[in-house]
Amino acid sequence: MNVIPYGKHYLDESDINAVVDVLKNGWLTQGPKVDEFENNIAEKVGANYALAVSSATAALHLACLASNLGPGDKAITSANSFVASANCVEYVGAKPLFSDIDPDSLNMCPKDLERRIGLHGKVSAIIPVHFSGVPCDMQAISEIAKKNSAIIIEDASHALGGKYLSGESIGSCVYSDMTIFSLHPVKGVTAGEGGVITTNNRDLYRKLMKLRSHGICKGNFDFPGISVLDDELINRKEAIEENKLNPWYYEMQQLGFNYRITDIQCALASSQLNKLDKFMKRRIEITRIYDNLFDNNKAIEKTQINSRNISANHLYIIRINFKKIGITRAKFMDLLKINGIGSQVHYVPIPMHPYYSSRGYNINDYPATEKYYREALSIPIFFGLEDSSVEFVAEKINTLLNNGLMT
């Protein structure tokens, strides 16, 4: 039996042709399609700069490095996220901390964030996660960050196409220093794999540029009003002759990484980005169908319902009290699969993972996150999902819950 997945990418002929054109005529990597995509996404979200990298995890890592986080620093993120939101802090030797979630938005709760900072002392960075594409209360988080002189790195891996509560595009960095997007296949726009960092800070952008490619500087940054002689090359006698940059020259100035992305991926991403508005419109339509069809089912608690029109709607999550209906979540997911419906749980809370629990983190310290996790179920939502399939999924879930599972 074919199973409808919880998420799926969408490709059309324009995407295929964009990739084929690069394969036939273009650079495969470190070429113009990378610059083109970076310019396209910066313009789309309203940021000054964008840097494309090999994954969102790489983007988070570089953002932490560019922020000068390191041993002795603390950074706080949401307990309800994928592990990369905390791992990036570990990568640079800093200490990750966690905040509990708001039960309605499922995002970092500003009141709990402030309380946790009071408990743990100064934090150097805050990493809010726009879970499922729903915007965090960035205005409140920004005020907390200012009071604590903390940098903000938004993990918007789910949220390309979404809006802040104040109306600006997520990624415009009006409330943060940097924003991270994912280009993984189940996300709204895909490059096959990849990530993006947006920022309005030129100095951060220049740091990120070097860190992405081995810590190398070539002295060829293209900023208005800056000549090569004003740039930050160190071995200038080797680099410059007769007031010109030697065309072969490069120098490694710090320990960086090979986190580059290819022109093949960026050609696909630019083509996908052209369809972002269409993708977002369809996801909103799907959420409305589900919302209507689940409206009278007392076994289901709909989530994030107040943010449909500004969310990227990366996931559609329902909450079910499985103990009350007398079935385990695993068995219910098996029943859905037997009926041709894929489902998933987003996510196992980060403090529950053995790596983190062995370091003293305890899920009991995050009661709203744990309660959500025990009840959460992600069901299919993606651009190519037809109305008839959305209705099939909802009606099958309603039938299963209403016919003998309720106690």
Protein backbone atom coordinates (compact mmCIF):
# COMPACT_ATOMS: atom_id res chain seq x y z
CA MET A 1 0.00 0.00 0.00
CA ASN A 2 1.18 3.52 -0.78
CA VAL A 3 1.55 5.58 2.38
CA ILE A 4 0.98 9.34 2.37
CA PRO A 5 4.12 10.77 4.05
CA TYR A 6 3.94 13.46 6.72
CA GLY A 7 6.07 15.71 4.49
CA LYS A 8 7.35 15.66 0.93
CA HIS A 9 9.23 17.93 -1.46
CA TYR A 10 7.72 19.20 -4.70
CA LEU A 11 9.66 19.46 -7.96
CA ASP A 12 8.47 20.63 -11.37
CA GLU A 13 10.08 21.00 -14.80
CA SER A 14 11.48 24.43 -13.98
CA ASP A 15 13.43 22.91 -11.06
CA ILE A 16 14.74 20.08 -13.22
CA ASN A 17 15.69 22.44 -16.04
CA ALA A 18 17.53 24.74 -13.62
CA VAL A 19 19.71 21.87 -12.43
CA VAL A 20 20.25 20.45 -15.93
CA ASP A 21 21.34 23.88 -17.17
CA VAL A 22 24.07 24.00 -14.51
CA LEU A 23 25.18 20.47 -15.35
CA LYS A 24 25.40 21.33 -19.04
CA ASN A 25 26.68 24.87 -18.99
CA GLY A 26 27.69 26.09 -15.55
CA TRP A 27 30.14 25.79 -12.70
CA LEU A 28 29.33 22.86 -10.45
CA THR A 29 30.46 24.56 -7.26
CA GLN A 30 31.71 27.93 -5.95
CA GLY A 31 30.22 29.61 -8.98
CA PRO A 32 27.62 32.27 -9.85
CA LYS A 33 24.53 30.26 -8.88
CA VAL A 34 25.57 30.43 -5.23
CA ASP A 35 25.75 34.22 -5.37
CA GLU A 36 22.48 34.34 -7.30
CA PHE A 37 20.63 32.28 -4.72
CA GLU A 38 22.09 34.25 -1.82
CA ASN A 39 20.95 37.50 -3.42
CA ASN A 40 17.51 36.04 -4.15
CA ILE A 41 16.84 34.83 -0.63
CA ALA A 42 18.23 37.98 1.01
CA GLU A 43 15.85 40.04 -1.13
CA LYS A 44 12.95 37.68 -0.42
CA VAL A 45 13.21 37.95 3.35
CA GLY A 46 14.44 41.54 3.49
CA ALA A 47 17.94 40.97 4.91
CA ASN A 48 21.11 42.75 3.89
CA TYR A 49 23.15 39.57 3.51
CA ALA A 50 22.63 35.84 3.03
CA LEU A 51 25.19 33.04 3.11
CA ALA A 52 24.33 29.56 1.78
CA VAL A 53 26.04 26.56 3.35
CA SER A 54 25.93 22.77 3.29
CA SER A 55 23.20 22.31 5.94
CA ALA A 56 21.22 24.19 8.57
CA THR A 57 23.33 22.44 11.21
CA ALA A 58 26.45 23.88 9.57
CA ALA A 59 24.73 27.27 9.55
CA LEU A 60 24.00 27.07 13.28
CA HIS A 61 27.59 26.03 13.96
CA LEU A 62 29.00 28.94 11.95
CA ALA A 63 26.59 31.39 13.59
CA CYS A 64 27.85 30.34 17.02
CA LEU A 65 31.46 30.68 15.90
CA ALA A 66 30.84 34.10 14.35
CA SER A 67 29.22 35.15 17.65
CA ASN A 68 32.48 34.25 19.45
CA LEU A 69 30.72 31.74 21.69
CA GLY A 70 33.13 29.43 23.43
CA PRO A 71 34.13 27.82 26.72
CA GLY A 72 32.65 29.67 29.68
CA ASP A 73 29.69 30.98 27.68
CA LYS A 74 26.08 29.85 28.00
CA ALA A 75 23.42 29.82 25.30
CA ILE A 76 19.75 29.02 25.81
CA THR A 77 17.40 27.39 23.30
CA SER A 78 14.04 25.63 23.31
CA ALA A 79 13.71 22.19 24.89
CA ASN A 80 11.26 21.43 22.07
CA SER A 81 13.46 21.22 18.98
CA PHE A 82 15.72 19.00 16.93
CA VAL A 83 19.07 18.32 18.60
CA ALA A 84 20.99 20.63 16.22
CA SER A 85 19.58 23.67 18.04
CA ALA A 86 21.65 22.70 21.09
CA ASN A 87 24.47 20.75 19.44
CA CYS A 88 25.74 23.90 17.76
CA VAL A 89 26.44 25.31 21.23
CA GLU A 90 28.27 22.15 22.23
CA TYR A 91 30.37 22.28 19.05
CA VAL A 92 32.00 25.55 20.14
CA GLY A 93 32.59 24.47 23.75
CA ALA A 94 29.85 26.61 25.28
CA LYS A 95 27.12 25.29 27.60
CA PRO A 96 23.59 24.82 26.23
CA LEU A 97 20.63 25.63 28.47
CA PHE A 98 16.94 25.07 27.79
CA SER A 99 13.74 27.02 28.15
CA ASP A 100 10.28 25.49 28.41
CA ILE A 101 7.61 26.18 25.80
CA ASP A 102 4.40 28.14 25.67
CA PRO A 103 1.58 25.52 25.46
CA ASP A 104 -0.23 27.42 22.70
CA SER A 105 2.57 28.42 20.33
CA LEU A 106 4.83 25.43 21.26
CA ASN A 107 7.70 27.94 21.05
CA MET A 108 10.12 29.30 23.63
CA CYS A 109 8.09 30.97 26.39
CA PRO A 110 9.49 34.47 27.07
CA LYS A 111 8.45 34.39 30.74
CA ASP A 112 10.13 31.04 31.26
CA LEU A 113 13.16 32.25 29.31
CA GLU A 114 13.56 35.17 31.67
CA ARG A 115 13.10 32.91 34.70
CA ARG A 116 15.73 30.45 33.45
CA ILE A 117 18.24 33.23 32.85
CA GLY A 118 17.59 34.36 36.42
CA LEU A 119 18.35 30.83 37.63
CA HIS A 120 21.45 30.20 35.52
CA GLY A 121 22.98 33.65 35.37
CA LYS A 122 24.26 35.51 32.34
CA VAL A 123 23.76 33.96 28.93
CA SER A 124 25.76 35.04 25.89
CA ALA A 125 23.26 33.89 23.27
CA ILE A 126 19.59 33.04 22.86
CA ILE A 127 18.57 30.62 20.10
CA PRO A 128 14.77 30.78 19.69
CA VAL A 129 13.24 28.11 17.44
CA HIS A 130 10.28 28.96 15.20
CA PHE A 131 8.84 25.51 15.71
CA SER A 132 6.69 24.18 12.86
CA GLY A 133 7.07 27.56 11.15
CA VAL A 134 5.19 29.50 13.83
CA PRO A 135 7.02 32.70 14.81
CA CYS A 136 8.31 33.09 18.33
CA ASP A 137 7.41 36.24 20.24
CA MET A 138 10.59 37.87 18.98
CA GLN A 139 9.77 41.31 20.33
CA ALA A 140 9.68 39.94 23.89
CA ILE A 141 12.74 37.74 23.34
CA SER A 142 14.64 40.68 21.85
CA GLU A 143 13.93 42.80 24.95
CA ILE A 144 15.22 40.02 27.19
CA ALA A 145 18.34 39.68 25.04
CA LYS A 146 19.03 43.42 25.24
CA LYS A 147 18.76 43.38 29.02
CA ASN A 148 21.29 40.55 29.12
CA SER A 149 23.56 41.78 26.31
CA ALA A 150 22.96 38.46 24.55
CA ILE A 151 23.20 37.80 20.84
CA ILE A 152 20.14 36.25 19.12
CA ILE A 153 20.45 33.47 16.55
CA GLU A 154 17.03 32.49 15.22
CA ASP A 155 16.63 28.83 14.30
CA ALA A 156 14.08 29.28 11.50
CA SER A 157 14.73 25.89 9.90
CA HIS A 158 10.94 25.40 9.66
CA ALA A 159 10.00 28.98 8.95
CA LEU A 160 11.04 30.20 5.48
CA GLY A 161 8.02 32.10 4.15
CA GLY A 162 6.62 32.91 7.57
CA LYS A 163 6.11 36.31 9.19
CA TYR A 164 6.90 37.72 12.61
CA LEU A 165 3.97 38.77 14.78
CA SER A 166 4.78 42.36 13.78
CA GLY A 167 4.45 41.52 10.07
CA GLU A 168 8.05 41.46 8.78
CA SER A 169 9.40 38.36 7.05
CA ILE A 170 11.16 35.84 9.25
CA GLY A 171 14.80 36.14 8.24
CA SER A 172 14.81 39.93 7.97
CA CYS A 173 16.62 39.89 11.34
CA VAL A 174 14.73 42.90 12.69
CA TYR A 175 14.89 41.25 16.12
CA SER A 176 18.09 39.22 15.83
CA ASP A 177 21.70 39.12 14.77
CA MET A 178 21.36 36.09 12.49
CA THR A 179 18.64 33.77 11.22
CA ILE A 180 19.08 30.18 10.06
CA PHE A 181 17.02 28.39 7.39
CA SER A 182 17.06 24.76 6.26
CA LEU A 183 16.90 23.55 2.65
CA HIS A 184 16.30 19.90 3.57
CA PRO A 185 13.86 18.01 1.28
CA VAL A 186 10.90 18.12 3.71
CA LYS A 187 11.22 21.89 4.22
CA GLY A 188 9.23 24.50 2.28
CA VAL A 189 12.05 25.14 -0.20
CA THR A 190 14.69 22.51 -0.90
CA ALA A 191 18.16 22.35 -2.40
CA GLY A 192 18.37 18.60 -1.74
CA GLU A 193 20.32 19.57 1.38
CA GLY A 194 21.64 22.89 2.58
CA GLY A 195 21.20 25.83 4.89
CA VAL A 196 21.20 29.63 4.85
CA ILE A 197 22.28 32.33 7.30
CA THR A 198 20.81 35.81 6.93
CA THR A 199 22.08 38.88 8.75
CA ASN A 200 22.13 42.66 8.55
CA ASN A 201 25.55 42.88 10.16
CA ARG A 202 28.41 43.30 7.69
CA ASP A 203 31.10 42.22 10.15
CA LEU A 204 29.23 39.01 10.97
CA TYR A 205 28.75 38.33 7.27
CA ARG A 206 32.46 38.69 6.58
CA LYS A 207 33.29 36.33 9.46
CA LEU A 208 30.80 33.81 8.13
CA MET A 209 32.26 34.03 4.62
CA LYS A 210 35.69 33.00 5.88
CA LEU A 211 34.45 30.35 8.28
CA ARG A 212 32.42 28.66 5.53
CA SER A 213 35.56 27.98 3.49
CA HIS A 214 38.47 26.83 5.68
CA GLY A 215 38.99 30.23 7.34
CA ILE A 216 40.43 31.52 4.07
CA CYS A 217 40.44 35.17 3.02
CA LYS A 218 41.11 36.06 -0.62
CA GLY A 219 40.86 39.82 -0.18
CA ASN A 220 38.06 40.06 -2.71
CA PHE A 221 35.07 41.04 -0.59
CA ASP A 222 32.83 43.23 -2.67
CA PHE A 223 31.45 46.00 -0.48
CA PRO A 224 30.80 49.58 -1.58
CA GLY A 225 33.58 51.94 -0.46
CA ILE A 226 36.03 49.19 0.47
CA SER A 227 39.09 48.61 -1.69
CA VAL A 228 41.43 45.67 -1.46
CA LEU A 229 43.94 47.93 0.29
CA ASP A 230 41.41 48.53 3.08
CA ASP A 231 40.68 44.86 3.48
CA GLU A 232 41.91 42.54 6.19
CA LEU A 233 44.66 40.62 4.42
CA ILE A 234 47.56 39.98 6.78
CA ASN A 235 50.49 39.02 4.54
CA ARG A 236 50.09 42.13 2.41
CA LYS A 237 53.53 41.92 0.76
CA GLU A 238 52.56 38.54 -0.63
CA ALA A 239 49.03 39.59 -1.49
CA ILE A 240 49.45 42.91 -3.28
CA GLU A 241 51.75 44.10 -6.05
CA GLU A 242 51.56 47.52 -7.70
CA ASN A 243 48.43 48.32 -5.74
CA LYS A 244 46.61 45.26 -7.12
CA LEU A 245 45.62 41.98 -5.54
CA ASN A 246 47.60 39.03 -6.89
CA PRO A 247 44.99 36.93 -8.71
CA TRP A 248 46.14 33.61 -7.20
CA TYR A 249 46.48 34.79 -3.64
CA TYR A 250 44.65 33.47 -0.59
CA GLU A 251 45.55 33.09 3.06
CA MET A 252 44.09 31.00 5.87
CA GLN A 253 43.58 33.32 8.81
CA GLN A 254 41.72 31.02 11.21
CA LEU A 255 40.53 27.45 11.51
CA GLY A 256 37.43 27.25 9.34
CA PHE A 257 35.39 24.51 7.72
CA ASN A 258 34.38 23.18 4.34
CA TYR A 259 30.70 24.06 4.69
CA ARG A 260 30.26 25.21 1.09
CA ILE A 261 27.17 24.50 -1.00
CA THR A 262 27.19 23.71 -4.72
CA ASP A 263 25.87 25.61 -7.74
CA ILE A 264 23.73 22.56 -8.52
CA GLN A 265 21.97 22.88 -5.18
CA CYS A 266 21.63 26.66 -5.42
CA ALA A 267 20.14 26.49 -8.91
CA LEU A 268 17.47 24.18 -7.52
CA ALA A 269 16.96 26.41 -4.47
CA SER A 270 16.51 29.57 -6.57
CA SER A 271 13.95 27.81 -8.76
CA GLN A 272 12.13 26.57 -5.66
CA LEU A 273 12.21 30.03 -4.10
CA ASN A 274 10.23 31.36 -7.06
CA LYS A 275 7.35 29.14 -5.91
CA LEU A 276 7.55 29.96 -2.20
CA ASP A 277 4.43 32.14 -2.11
CA LYS A 278 2.46 29.44 -3.90
CA PHE A 279 3.80 26.81 -1.50
CA MET A 280 2.81 28.88 1.54
CA LYS A 281 -0.69 29.57 0.21
CA ARG A 282 -1.36 25.86 -0.28
CA ARG A 283 -0.11 24.95 3.18
CA ILE A 284 -2.53 27.47 4.72
CA GLU A 285 -5.36 25.91 2.70
CA ILE A 286 -4.51 22.45 4.02
CA THR A 287 -4.46 23.63 7.63
CA ARG A 288 -7.93 25.13 7.20
CA ILE A 289 -9.33 21.87 5.84
CA TYR A 290 -7.86 19.92 8.74
CA ASP A 291 -9.04 22.51 11.28
CA ASN A 292 -12.61 22.26 10.00
CA LEU A 293 -12.68 18.46 9.84
CA PHE A 294 -11.22 18.04 13.35
CA ASP A 295 -13.45 20.72 14.83
CA ASN A 296 -15.90 18.36 16.51
CA ASN A 297 -13.50 15.62 17.55
CA LYS A 298 -13.14 15.85 21.33
CA ALA A 299 -10.19 13.45 21.33
CA ILE A 300 -8.08 15.89 19.30
CA GLU A 301 -6.55 19.13 20.48
CA LYS A 302 -5.51 21.28 17.53
CA THR A 303 -2.26 23.18 17.96
CA GLN A 304 -0.91 26.58 16.88
CA ILE A 305 -4.33 27.55 15.48
CA ASN A 306 -3.85 31.29 16.04
CA SER A 307 -0.86 31.52 13.71
CA ARG A 308 -2.05 29.87 10.50
CA ASN A 309 -1.84 33.00 8.34
CA ILE A 310 1.68 34.01 9.40
CA SER A 311 3.21 30.57 9.95
CA ALA A 312 5.18 28.71 7.29
CA ASN A 313 3.01 25.73 8.37
CA HIS A 314 5.88 23.30 8.02
CA LEU A 315 4.03 20.76 10.19
CA TYR A 316 0.43 20.05 11.08
CA ILE A 317 0.42 18.72 14.63
CA ILE A 318 -2.48 17.30 16.62
CA ARG A 319 -2.43 16.44 20.29
CA ILE A 320 -4.12 13.28 21.56
CA ASN A 321 -4.35 12.01 25.13
CA PHE A 322 -3.40 8.44 24.24
CA LYS A 323 -3.87 7.17 27.80
CA LYS A 324 -7.42 8.46 27.78
CA ILE A 325 -8.34 6.73 24.51
CA GLY A 326 -6.71 3.50 25.66
CA ILE A 327 -4.07 3.00 22.98
CA THR A 328 -0.37 3.72 22.75
CA ARG A 329 0.85 6.29 20.28
CA ALA A 330 2.97 3.62 18.55
CA LYS A 331 -0.08 1.41 18.00
CA PHE A 332 -2.12 4.36 16.75
CA MET A 333 0.66 5.24 14.28
CA ASP A 334 0.67 1.61 13.13
CA LEU A 335 -3.09 1.80 12.53
CA LEU A 336 -2.60 4.95 10.49
CA LYS A 337 0.14 3.29 8.44
CA ILE A 338 -2.08 0.27 7.77
CA ASN A 339 -4.62 2.73 6.43
CA GLY A 340 -2.06 4.42 4.18
CA ILE A 341 -1.23 7.43 6.36
CA GLY A 342 2.27 8.34 7.48
CA SER A 343 2.84 10.21 10.73
CA GLN A 344 5.76 11.35 12.87
CA VAL A 345 6.58 12.89 16.25
CA HIS A 346 8.36 16.26 16.37
CA TYR A 347 10.47 16.00 18.48
CA VAL A 348 11.93 13.89 21.22
CA PRO A 349 12.79 16.80 23.58
CA ILE A 350 16.48 17.58 23.56
CA PRO A 351 16.97 17.11 27.36
CA MET A 352 15.62 13.53 27.04
CA HIS A 353 18.38 12.34 24.72
CA PRO A 354 21.00 10.21 26.50
CA TYR A 355 23.81 12.59 25.50
CA TYR A 356 22.10 15.43 27.35
CA SER A 357 20.45 13.51 30.19
CA SER A 358 23.86 12.03 31.07
CA ARG A 359 25.09 15.60 31.48
CA GLY A 360 22.50 16.43 34.12
CA TYR A 361 19.58 17.74 32.03
CA ASN A 362 16.19 16.41 33.16
CA ILE A 363 12.97 16.51 31.12
CA ASN A 364 11.00 16.96 34.35
CA ASP A 365 12.36 20.51 34.46
CA TYR A 366 10.35 21.32 31.32
CA PRO A 367 6.78 20.19 32.09
CA ALA A 368 5.04 21.94 29.18
CA THR A 369 7.52 20.42 26.72
CA GLU A 370 7.13 16.94 28.19
CA LYS A 371 3.32 17.10 28.18
CA TYR A 372 3.31 18.25 24.57
CA TYR A 373 5.74 15.49 23.56
CA ARG A 374 3.60 12.73 25.12
CA GLU A 375 0.57 13.85 23.08
CA ALA A 376 2.04 15.10 19.80
CA LEU A 377 1.48 13.61 16.38
CA SER A 378 2.45 15.19 13.05
CA ILE A 379 0.18 14.24 10.13
CA PRO A 380 0.64 14.85 6.39
CA ILE A 381 1.05 18.38 5.06
CA PHE A 382 2.93 19.31 1.88
CA PHE A 383 2.32 21.32 -1.28
CA GLY A 384 1.32 18.40 -3.50
CA LEU A 385 -1.24 16.99 -1.04
CA GLU A 386 -4.64 17.18 -2.73
CA ASP A 387 -7.86 18.13 -0.96
CA SER A 388 -9.19 14.58 -1.33
CA SER A 389 -6.11 13.20 0.44
CA VAL A 390 -6.37 15.78 3.24
CA GLU A 391 -10.01 14.80 3.72
CA PHE A 392 -9.09 11.10 3.64
CA VAL A 393 -6.46 11.58 6.35
CA ALA A 394 -8.77 13.59 8.61
CA GLU A 395 -11.77 11.30 8.16
CA LYS A 396 -9.70 8.16 8.80
CA ILE A 397 -8.28 9.68 12.01
CA ASN A 398 -11.75 10.75 13.11
CA THR A 399 -13.12 7.27 12.41
CA LEU A 400 -10.35 5.52 14.31
CA LEU A 401 -10.78 7.80 17.31
CA ASN A 402 -14.58 7.59 17.33
CA ASN A 403 -14.96 3.83 16.73
CA GLY A 404 -13.86 1.92 19.79
CA LEU A 405 -10.62 3.68 20.74
CA MET A 406 -12.27 6.10 23.13
CA THR A 407 -12.70 4.75 26.66
